[in-house]
């Protein structure tokens, strides 16, 4: 498996990771941080798995499809959590998470 066939997924993983990191940082600055705790937690989980899957693809891991399945699940959960909040950074993150989840499902 060459990573060239995963270019679309790699791009979506990177965009999702950046959106989650931005949302995580912005949520920490919200007035009611406690209300944002679950969003912050899922942002971290999602950014981490997206970054990990991107690395796994680049090193031709034999477990890409398995990691993609886990990544899809986490991206979906993060998108669902972010969608609950009206902040623009949360809405942008949810969109990126859902797009990434769909791309991961195609590989899983």
Protein backbone atom coordinates (compact mmCIF):
# COMPACT_ATOMS: atom_id res chain seq x y z
CA UNK A 1 0.00 0.00 0.00
CA UNK A 2 1.43 3.31 -0.99
CA UNK A 3 0.33 6.44 0.81
CA UNK A 4 -0.46 8.17 -2.51
CA UNK A 5 -3.79 6.35 -2.66
CA UNK A 6 -4.69 7.94 0.69
CA UNK A 7 -4.05 11.57 -0.32
CA UNK A 8 -7.69 12.65 0.17
CA UNK A 9 -7.80 10.99 3.59
CA UNK A 10 -4.45 12.50 4.60
CA UNK A 11 -5.74 15.96 3.72
CA UNK A 12 -8.97 15.46 5.68
CA UNK A 13 -7.04 14.06 8.66
CA UNK A 14 -4.79 17.11 8.70
CA UNK A 15 -7.68 19.57 8.38
CA UNK A 16 -9.56 17.77 11.16
CA UNK A 17 -6.53 17.71 13.43
CA UNK A 18 -6.03 21.46 12.95
CA UNK A 19 -9.74 22.19 13.51
CA UNK A 20 -9.73 20.12 16.70
CA UNK A 21 -6.60 21.82 17.99
CA UNK A 22 -8.11 25.24 17.25
CA UNK A 23 -11.41 24.30 18.91
CA UNK A 24 -9.57 22.88 21.92
CA UNK A 25 -7.62 26.10 22.36
CA UNK A 26 -10.67 28.32 21.83
CA UNK A 27 -12.80 26.26 24.24
CA UNK A 28 -10.19 26.74 26.95
CA UNK A 29 -10.72 30.49 26.57
CA UNK A 30 -14.51 30.36 26.84
CA UNK A 31 -16.14 31.96 29.86
CA UNK A 32 -17.73 28.71 31.05
CA UNK A 33 -14.88 26.25 30.58
CA UNK A 34 -16.64 23.59 32.66
CA UNK A 35 -19.48 23.54 30.15
CA UNK A 36 -16.89 22.93 27.41
CA UNK A 37 -15.08 20.08 29.22
CA UNK A 38 -16.44 17.26 27.04
CA UNK A 39 -15.78 19.26 23.88
CA UNK A 40 -12.20 19.87 24.99
CA UNK A 41 -11.71 16.19 25.81
CA UNK A 42 -13.07 14.94 22.48
CA UNK A 43 -11.06 17.58 20.59
CA UNK A 44 -7.86 16.17 22.12
CA UNK A 45 -8.82 12.57 21.41
CA UNK A 46 -9.73 13.40 17.83
CA UNK A 47 -6.64 15.49 17.09
CA UNK A 48 -4.43 12.74 18.50
CA UNK A 49 -5.98 9.89 16.49
CA UNK A 50 -6.01 11.95 13.29
CA UNK A 51 -2.33 12.75 13.72
CA UNK A 52 -1.56 9.13 14.51
CA UNK A 53 -3.43 7.80 11.48
CA UNK A 54 -1.67 10.32 9.25
CA UNK A 55 1.67 9.00 10.53
CA UNK A 56 0.57 5.37 10.15
CA UNK A 57 -0.33 5.98 6.52
CA UNK A 58 3.00 7.69 5.82
CA UNK A 59 4.91 4.69 7.15
CA UNK A 60 2.74 2.15 5.28
CA UNK A 61 1.42 0.54 8.45
CA UNK A 62 -0.40 -2.74 7.83
CA UNK A 63 -3.06 -1.55 10.30
CA UNK A 64 -4.28 1.52 8.40
CA UNK A 65 -7.80 0.15 7.89
CA UNK A 66 -8.13 -0.77 11.58
CA UNK A 67 -6.86 2.64 12.71
CA UNK A 68 -9.20 4.29 10.20
CA UNK A 69 -12.16 2.50 11.80
CA UNK A 70 -11.21 3.80 15.24
CA UNK A 71 -10.54 7.25 13.83
CA UNK A 72 -13.97 7.34 12.17
CA UNK A 73 -15.63 6.51 15.49
CA UNK A 74 -13.71 9.20 17.39
CA UNK A 75 -14.24 11.83 14.68
CA UNK A 76 -17.98 11.11 14.71
CA UNK A 77 -18.09 11.45 18.51
CA UNK A 78 -16.12 14.70 18.40
CA UNK A 79 -18.36 16.10 15.67
CA UNK A 80 -21.46 15.16 17.66
CA UNK A 81 -20.11 16.92 20.76
CA UNK A 82 -18.91 20.03 18.94
CA UNK A 83 -22.22 20.35 17.11
CA UNK A 84 -23.98 20.87 20.47
CA UNK A 85 -22.21 24.22 20.95
CA UNK A 86 -23.06 27.44 19.10
CA UNK A 87 -19.49 28.77 19.00
CA UNK A 88 -18.19 29.10 15.44
CA UNK A 89 -15.01 27.19 16.28
CA UNK A 90 -17.15 24.27 17.48
CA UNK A 91 -19.33 24.33 14.36
CA UNK A 92 -16.25 24.46 12.10
CA UNK A 93 -14.71 21.59 14.04
CA UNK A 94 -17.87 19.49 13.76
CA UNK A 95 -17.87 19.95 9.98
CA UNK A 96 -14.22 18.89 9.69
CA UNK A 97 -14.81 15.91 11.99
CA UNK A 98 -17.78 14.65 9.98
CA UNK A 99 -15.87 14.95 6.69
CA UNK A 100 -12.91 13.12 8.18
CA UNK A 101 -15.14 10.41 9.66
CA UNK A 102 -16.65 9.74 6.22
CA UNK A 103 -13.21 9.54 4.60
CA UNK A 104 -12.03 7.14 7.33
CA UNK A 105 -15.09 4.91 6.87
CA UNK A 106 -14.21 4.50 3.20
CA UNK A 107 -10.78 3.14 4.15
CA UNK A 108 -11.85 1.08 7.18
